[in-house]
Amino acid sequence: MLYALGNNHAGTYYPIVVPTLAFLAQIVAQCGPFAREAALEVLVDLLAFQPEPGHELSNGADGVVKDLRELVREGVSQMSSTLRAVTDSEPSESRAKALVVELTGLVSQSR
């Protein structure tokens, strides 16, 4: 997935990442544990990654050009109810719950 969105090895992504966030949120909300964990891991990586050089800006949903990193952070922030549902429904030792905690921390750091 990370190579489809950018360059996993370099830790970068392209603007295509923005519409993909809704798809990842759907996986977290509706799929089984393996798919949920994989989607959460992708989201964690994306918050740690940077836009590919030359692709730092992209159109937001409102059509206004914005910083791509900010668009990714906003997209993940909009998943807060989905992420809260994971922490409420998963056992305390689950990998998914740990990933949500990590993801939430990354969103907070990027503000």
N, C-alpha and C. Protein backbone atom coordinates (compact mmCIF):
# COMPACT_ATOMS: atom_id res chain seq x y z
N MET A 1 0.83 -1.19 0.00
CA MET A 1 0.00 0.00 0.00
C MET A 1 0.87 1.25 0.00
N LEU A 2 1.92 1.24 0.82
CA LEU A 2 2.77 2.44 0.91
C LEU A 2 3.52 2.71 -0.40
N TYR A 3 3.82 1.67 -1.16
CA TYR A 3 4.45 1.89 -2.47
C TYR A 3 3.41 2.37 -3.49
N ALA A 4 2.15 2.04 -3.30
CA ALA A 4 1.11 2.53 -4.20
C ALA A 4 0.86 4.02 -3.97
N LEU A 5 1.09 4.48 -2.76
CA LEU A 5 0.85 5.88 -2.41
C LEU A 5 2.09 6.76 -2.52
N GLY A 6 3.25 6.13 -2.61
CA GLY A 6 4.49 6.90 -2.66
C GLY A 6 5.69 5.99 -2.73
N ASN A 7 6.69 6.29 -1.91
CA ASN A 7 7.91 5.49 -1.86
C ASN A 7 8.14 5.09 -0.41
N ASN A 8 7.74 3.87 -0.08
CA ASN A 8 7.87 3.37 1.29
C ASN A 8 9.31 3.45 1.77
N HIS A 9 10.26 3.09 0.92
CA HIS A 9 11.67 3.09 1.31
C HIS A 9 12.15 4.48 1.67
N ALA A 10 11.70 5.48 0.93
CA ALA A 10 12.12 6.87 1.19
C ALA A 10 11.23 7.56 2.23
N GLY A 11 10.10 6.95 2.56
CA GLY A 11 9.19 7.55 3.53
C GLY A 11 8.46 8.76 2.97
N THR A 12 8.00 8.64 1.72
CA THR A 12 7.31 9.76 1.07
C THR A 12 5.98 9.28 0.47
N TYR A 13 5.13 10.25 0.16
CA TYR A 13 3.86 9.95 -0.49
C TYR A 13 3.50 11.05 -1.48
N TYR A 14 2.56 10.72 -2.36
CA TYR A 14 2.06 11.63 -3.39
C TYR A 14 0.65 12.10 -3.01
N PRO A 15 0.12 13.10 -3.67
CA PRO A 15 -1.23 13.60 -3.36
C PRO A 15 -2.34 12.56 -3.42
N ILE A 16 -2.14 11.46 -4.12
CA ILE A 16 -3.15 10.40 -4.17
C ILE A 16 -3.49 9.88 -2.78
N VAL A 17 -2.64 10.14 -1.82
CA VAL A 17 -2.86 9.69 -0.45
C VAL A 17 -4.15 10.28 0.14
N VAL A 18 -4.51 11.49 -0.23
CA VAL A 18 -5.65 12.16 0.40
C VAL A 18 -6.96 11.40 0.19
N PRO A 19 -7.36 11.05 -1.04
CA PRO A 19 -8.62 10.31 -1.18
C PRO A 19 -8.53 8.88 -0.63
N THR A 20 -7.35 8.37 -0.46
CA THR A 20 -7.16 7.02 0.07
C THR A 20 -7.47 6.95 1.56
N LEU A 21 -7.39 8.07 2.25
CA LEU A 21 -7.62 8.07 3.70
C LEU A 21 -9.03 7.59 4.05
N ALA A 22 -10.02 7.97 3.27
CA ALA A 22 -11.40 7.53 3.53
C ALA A 22 -11.52 6.01 3.38
N PHE A 23 -10.83 5.46 2.40
CA PHE A 23 -10.81 4.01 2.20
C PHE A 23 -10.18 3.31 3.40
N LEU A 24 -9.07 3.85 3.89
CA LEU A 24 -8.41 3.27 5.06
C LEU A 24 -9.30 3.35 6.30
N ALA A 25 -10.01 4.45 6.44
CA ALA A 25 -10.94 4.59 7.57
C ALA A 25 -12.05 3.54 7.50
N GLN A 26 -12.52 3.26 6.30
CA GLN A 26 -13.54 2.22 6.12
C GLN A 26 -13.02 0.86 6.54
N ILE A 27 -11.79 0.57 6.19
CA ILE A 27 -11.19 -0.71 6.58
C ILE A 27 -11.11 -0.80 8.10
N VAL A 28 -10.65 0.26 8.74
CA VAL A 28 -10.54 0.28 10.20
C VAL A 28 -11.91 0.05 10.84
N ALA A 29 -12.94 0.67 10.29
CA ALA A 29 -14.27 0.59 10.88
C ALA A 29 -15.00 -0.72 10.60
N GLN A 30 -14.76 -1.32 9.43
CA GLN A 30 -15.65 -2.41 8.99
C GLN A 30 -15.00 -3.77 8.80
N CYS A 31 -13.67 -3.83 8.79
CA CYS A 31 -13.03 -5.11 8.47
C CYS A 31 -12.54 -5.83 9.73
N GLY A 32 -12.08 -7.04 9.51
CA GLY A 32 -11.60 -7.87 10.60
C GLY A 32 -10.27 -7.39 11.17
N PRO A 33 -9.80 -8.07 12.19
CA PRO A 33 -8.62 -7.62 12.92
C PRO A 33 -7.35 -7.48 12.08
N PHE A 34 -7.08 -8.41 11.18
CA PHE A 34 -5.85 -8.33 10.38
C PHE A 34 -5.87 -7.11 9.47
N ALA A 35 -6.97 -6.92 8.76
CA ALA A 35 -7.10 -5.77 7.85
C ALA A 35 -7.09 -4.47 8.64
N ARG A 36 -7.75 -4.45 9.80
CA ARG A 36 -7.79 -3.24 10.64
C ARG A 36 -6.37 -2.86 11.07
N GLU A 37 -5.61 -3.83 11.55
CA GLU A 37 -4.24 -3.56 11.98
C GLU A 37 -3.37 -3.08 10.81
N ALA A 38 -3.53 -3.70 9.66
CA ALA A 38 -2.73 -3.29 8.49
C ALA A 38 -3.06 -1.85 8.10
N ALA A 39 -4.34 -1.49 8.10
CA ALA A 39 -4.73 -0.13 7.75
C ALA A 39 -4.20 0.87 8.78
N LEU A 40 -4.27 0.51 10.05
CA LEU A 40 -3.75 1.40 11.10
C LEU A 40 -2.24 1.59 10.97
N GLU A 41 -1.53 0.52 10.61
CA GLU A 41 -0.08 0.63 10.41
C GLU A 41 0.24 1.56 9.25
N VAL A 42 -0.54 1.48 8.18
CA VAL A 42 -0.34 2.39 7.04
C VAL A 42 -0.57 3.84 7.49
N LEU A 43 -1.61 4.07 8.26
CA LEU A 43 -1.89 5.43 8.73
C LEU A 43 -0.78 5.96 9.63
N VAL A 44 -0.26 5.13 10.50
CA VAL A 44 0.87 5.53 11.35
C VAL A 44 2.05 5.93 10.49
N ASP A 45 2.37 5.10 9.51
CA ASP A 45 3.50 5.41 8.63
C ASP A 45 3.27 6.71 7.86
N LEU A 46 2.07 6.90 7.35
CA LEU A 46 1.79 8.11 6.58
C LEU A 46 1.98 9.37 7.42
N LEU A 47 1.62 9.32 8.68
CA LEU A 47 1.81 10.50 9.52
C LEU A 47 3.29 10.76 9.81
N ALA A 48 4.09 9.72 9.73
CA ALA A 48 5.53 9.89 9.93
C ALA A 48 6.26 10.25 8.63
N PHE A 49 5.66 9.95 7.49
CA PHE A 49 6.26 10.22 6.19
C PHE A 49 6.12 11.69 5.81
N GLN A 50 6.76 12.05 4.70
CA GLN A 50 6.73 13.40 4.14
C GLN A 50 6.21 13.32 2.70
N PRO A 51 5.69 14.42 2.17
CA PRO A 51 5.35 14.41 0.74
C PRO A 51 6.60 14.21 -0.11
N GLU A 52 6.43 13.56 -1.23
CA GLU A 52 7.52 13.40 -2.20
C GLU A 52 7.95 14.81 -2.64
N PRO A 53 9.27 15.06 -2.70
CA PRO A 53 9.72 16.38 -3.15
C PRO A 53 9.06 16.78 -4.47
N GLY A 54 8.59 18.01 -4.49
CA GLY A 54 7.88 18.52 -5.66
C GLY A 54 6.38 18.31 -5.59
N HIS A 55 5.93 17.62 -4.55
CA HIS A 55 4.49 17.33 -4.38
C HIS A 55 4.01 17.76 -2.99
N GLU A 56 4.55 18.84 -2.49
CA GLU A 56 4.23 19.29 -1.13
C GLU A 56 2.86 19.94 -1.02
N LEU A 57 2.28 20.34 -2.13
CA LEU A 57 0.98 21.01 -2.13
C LEU A 57 -0.04 20.18 -2.91
N SER A 58 -1.31 20.30 -2.51
CA SER A 58 -2.37 19.57 -3.20
C SER A 58 -3.69 20.30 -2.94
N ASN A 59 -4.67 20.02 -3.77
CA ASN A 59 -6.00 20.60 -3.58
C ASN A 59 -6.72 19.89 -2.44
N GLY A 60 -7.26 20.69 -1.52
CA GLY A 60 -8.11 20.14 -0.48
C GLY A 60 -9.50 19.86 -1.03
N ALA A 61 -10.37 19.33 -0.19
CA ALA A 61 -11.74 19.03 -0.61
C ALA A 61 -12.48 20.28 -1.07
N ASP A 62 -12.07 21.43 -0.54
CA ASP A 62 -12.70 22.71 -0.90
C ASP A 62 -12.08 23.32 -2.16
N GLY A 63 -11.11 22.62 -2.76
CA GLY A 63 -10.47 23.10 -3.97
C GLY A 63 -9.33 24.05 -3.73
N VAL A 64 -9.10 24.41 -2.47
CA VAL A 64 -8.01 25.33 -2.12
C VAL A 64 -6.70 24.53 -2.00
N VAL A 65 -5.64 25.07 -2.57
CA VAL A 65 -4.34 24.42 -2.50
C VAL A 65 -3.81 24.53 -1.07
N LYS A 66 -3.42 23.39 -0.51
CA LYS A 66 -2.93 23.33 0.87
C LYS A 66 -1.68 22.47 0.94
N ASP A 67 -1.03 22.57 2.08
CA ASP A 67 0.13 21.73 2.38
C ASP A 67 -0.35 20.27 2.45
N LEU A 68 0.29 19.39 1.69
CA LEU A 68 -0.14 18.00 1.63
C LEU A 68 -0.03 17.32 2.98
N ARG A 69 1.00 17.62 3.73
CA ARG A 69 1.14 17.03 5.06
C ARG A 69 -0.03 17.40 5.95
N GLU A 70 -0.47 18.65 5.86
CA GLU A 70 -1.62 19.11 6.65
C GLU A 70 -2.90 18.40 6.21
N LEU A 71 -3.06 18.17 4.92
CA LEU A 71 -4.23 17.44 4.42
C LEU A 71 -4.27 16.01 4.97
N VAL A 72 -3.11 15.38 5.04
CA VAL A 72 -3.05 14.02 5.60
C VAL A 72 -3.41 14.06 7.08
N ARG A 73 -2.84 15.00 7.82
CA ARG A 73 -3.14 15.11 9.25
C ARG A 73 -4.64 15.38 9.47
N GLU A 74 -5.21 16.28 8.67
CA GLU A 74 -6.65 16.58 8.78
C GLU A 74 -7.49 15.34 8.48
N GLY A 75 -7.09 14.60 7.45
CA GLY A 75 -7.82 13.38 7.09
C GLY A 75 -7.82 12.35 8.20
N VAL A 76 -6.68 12.19 8.85
CA VAL A 76 -6.60 11.24 9.95
C VAL A 76 -7.38 11.79 11.16
N SER A 77 -7.29 13.07 11.40
CA SER A 77 -8.04 13.69 12.51
C SER A 77 -9.54 13.47 12.35
N GLN A 78 -10.03 13.48 11.13
CA GLN A 78 -11.45 13.28 10.88
C GLN A 78 -11.91 11.86 11.19
N MET A 79 -10.97 10.97 11.42
CA MET A 79 -11.29 9.58 11.77
C MET A 79 -11.46 9.39 13.27
N SER A 80 -11.50 10.45 14.03
CA SER A 80 -11.47 10.33 15.49
C SER A 80 -12.58 9.43 16.05
N SER A 81 -13.78 9.51 15.52
CA SER A 81 -14.85 8.65 16.05
C SER A 81 -14.60 7.18 15.71
N THR A 82 -14.07 6.93 14.53
CA THR A 82 -13.73 5.56 14.13
C THR A 82 -12.62 5.03 15.03
N LEU A 83 -11.62 5.85 15.28
CA LEU A 83 -10.51 5.42 16.12
C LEU A 83 -10.96 5.21 17.57
N ARG A 84 -11.84 6.07 18.05
CA ARG A 84 -12.37 5.93 19.41
C ARG A 84 -13.15 4.61 19.53
N ALA A 85 -13.87 4.26 18.49
CA ALA A 85 -14.62 2.99 18.49
C ALA A 85 -13.68 1.80 18.61
N VAL A 86 -12.52 1.88 17.97
CA VAL A 86 -11.53 0.80 18.07
C VAL A 86 -11.03 0.70 19.51
N THR A 87 -10.68 1.82 20.11
CA THR A 87 -10.16 1.76 21.49
C THR A 87 -11.23 1.30 22.47
N ASP A 88 -12.50 1.61 22.17
CA ASP A 88 -13.58 1.18 23.06
C ASP A 88 -13.91 -0.30 22.92
N SER A 89 -13.70 -0.85 21.74
CA SER A 89 -14.12 -2.24 21.49
C SER A 89 -13.00 -3.27 21.58
N GLU A 90 -11.77 -2.83 21.50
CA GLU A 90 -10.65 -3.77 21.50
C GLU A 90 -10.15 -4.04 22.92
N PRO A 91 -9.67 -5.25 23.19
CA PRO A 91 -9.06 -5.52 24.50
C PRO A 91 -7.80 -4.66 24.70
N SER A 92 -7.48 -4.36 25.92
CA SER A 92 -6.39 -3.42 26.21
C SER A 92 -5.05 -3.87 25.64
N GLU A 93 -4.83 -5.16 25.47
CA GLU A 93 -3.54 -5.65 24.96
C GLU A 93 -3.52 -5.82 23.44
N SER A 94 -4.56 -5.42 22.74
CA SER A 94 -4.61 -5.64 21.30
C SER A 94 -3.65 -4.74 20.54
N ARG A 95 -3.17 -5.25 19.46
CA ARG A 95 -2.26 -4.48 18.57
C ARG A 95 -3.01 -3.28 17.98
N ALA A 96 -4.27 -3.45 17.61
CA ALA A 96 -5.04 -2.35 17.02
C ALA A 96 -5.15 -1.20 18.01
N LYS A 97 -5.41 -1.50 19.26
CA LYS A 97 -5.54 -0.45 20.27
C LYS A 97 -4.21 0.29 20.43
N ALA A 98 -3.10 -0.43 20.45
CA ALA A 98 -1.78 0.19 20.55
C ALA A 98 -1.51 1.09 19.35
N LEU A 99 -1.92 0.65 18.17
CA LEU A 99 -1.72 1.46 16.97
C LEU A 99 -2.56 2.73 17.00
N VAL A 100 -3.77 2.64 17.53
CA VAL A 100 -4.62 3.83 17.65
C VAL A 100 -3.98 4.83 18.61
N VAL A 101 -3.43 4.35 19.71
CA VAL A 101 -2.76 5.23 20.66
C VAL A 101 -1.57 5.91 19.98
N GLU A 102 -0.79 5.15 19.23
CA GLU A 102 0.36 5.72 18.50
C GLU A 102 -0.11 6.74 17.47
N LEU A 103 -1.14 6.41 16.74
CA LEU A 103 -1.68 7.29 15.71
C LEU A 103 -2.20 8.59 16.32
N THR A 104 -2.91 8.49 17.40
CA THR A 104 -3.44 9.67 18.08
C THR A 104 -2.31 10.57 18.56
N GLY A 105 -1.25 9.95 19.07
CA GLY A 105 -0.09 10.74 19.50
C GLY A 105 0.58 11.46 18.34
N LEU A 106 0.68 10.80 17.19
CA LEU A 106 1.28 11.44 16.02
C LEU A 106 0.44 12.60 15.52
N VAL A 107 -0.88 12.47 15.57
CA VAL A 107 -1.76 13.55 15.15
C VAL A 107 -1.56 14.74 16.09
N SER A 108 -1.48 14.48 17.37
CA SER A 108 -1.29 15.56 18.36
C SER A 108 0.05 16.26 18.17
N GLN A 109 1.10 15.51 17.88
CA GLN A 109 2.44 16.08 17.68
C GLN A 109 2.50 16.98 16.46
N SER A 110 1.73 16.66 15.44
CA SER A 110 1.84 17.40 14.18
C SER A 110 1.06 18.70 14.20
N ARG A 111 0.38 19.00 15.28
CA ARG A 111 -0.41 20.25 15.36
C ARG A 111 0.46 21.41 15.72
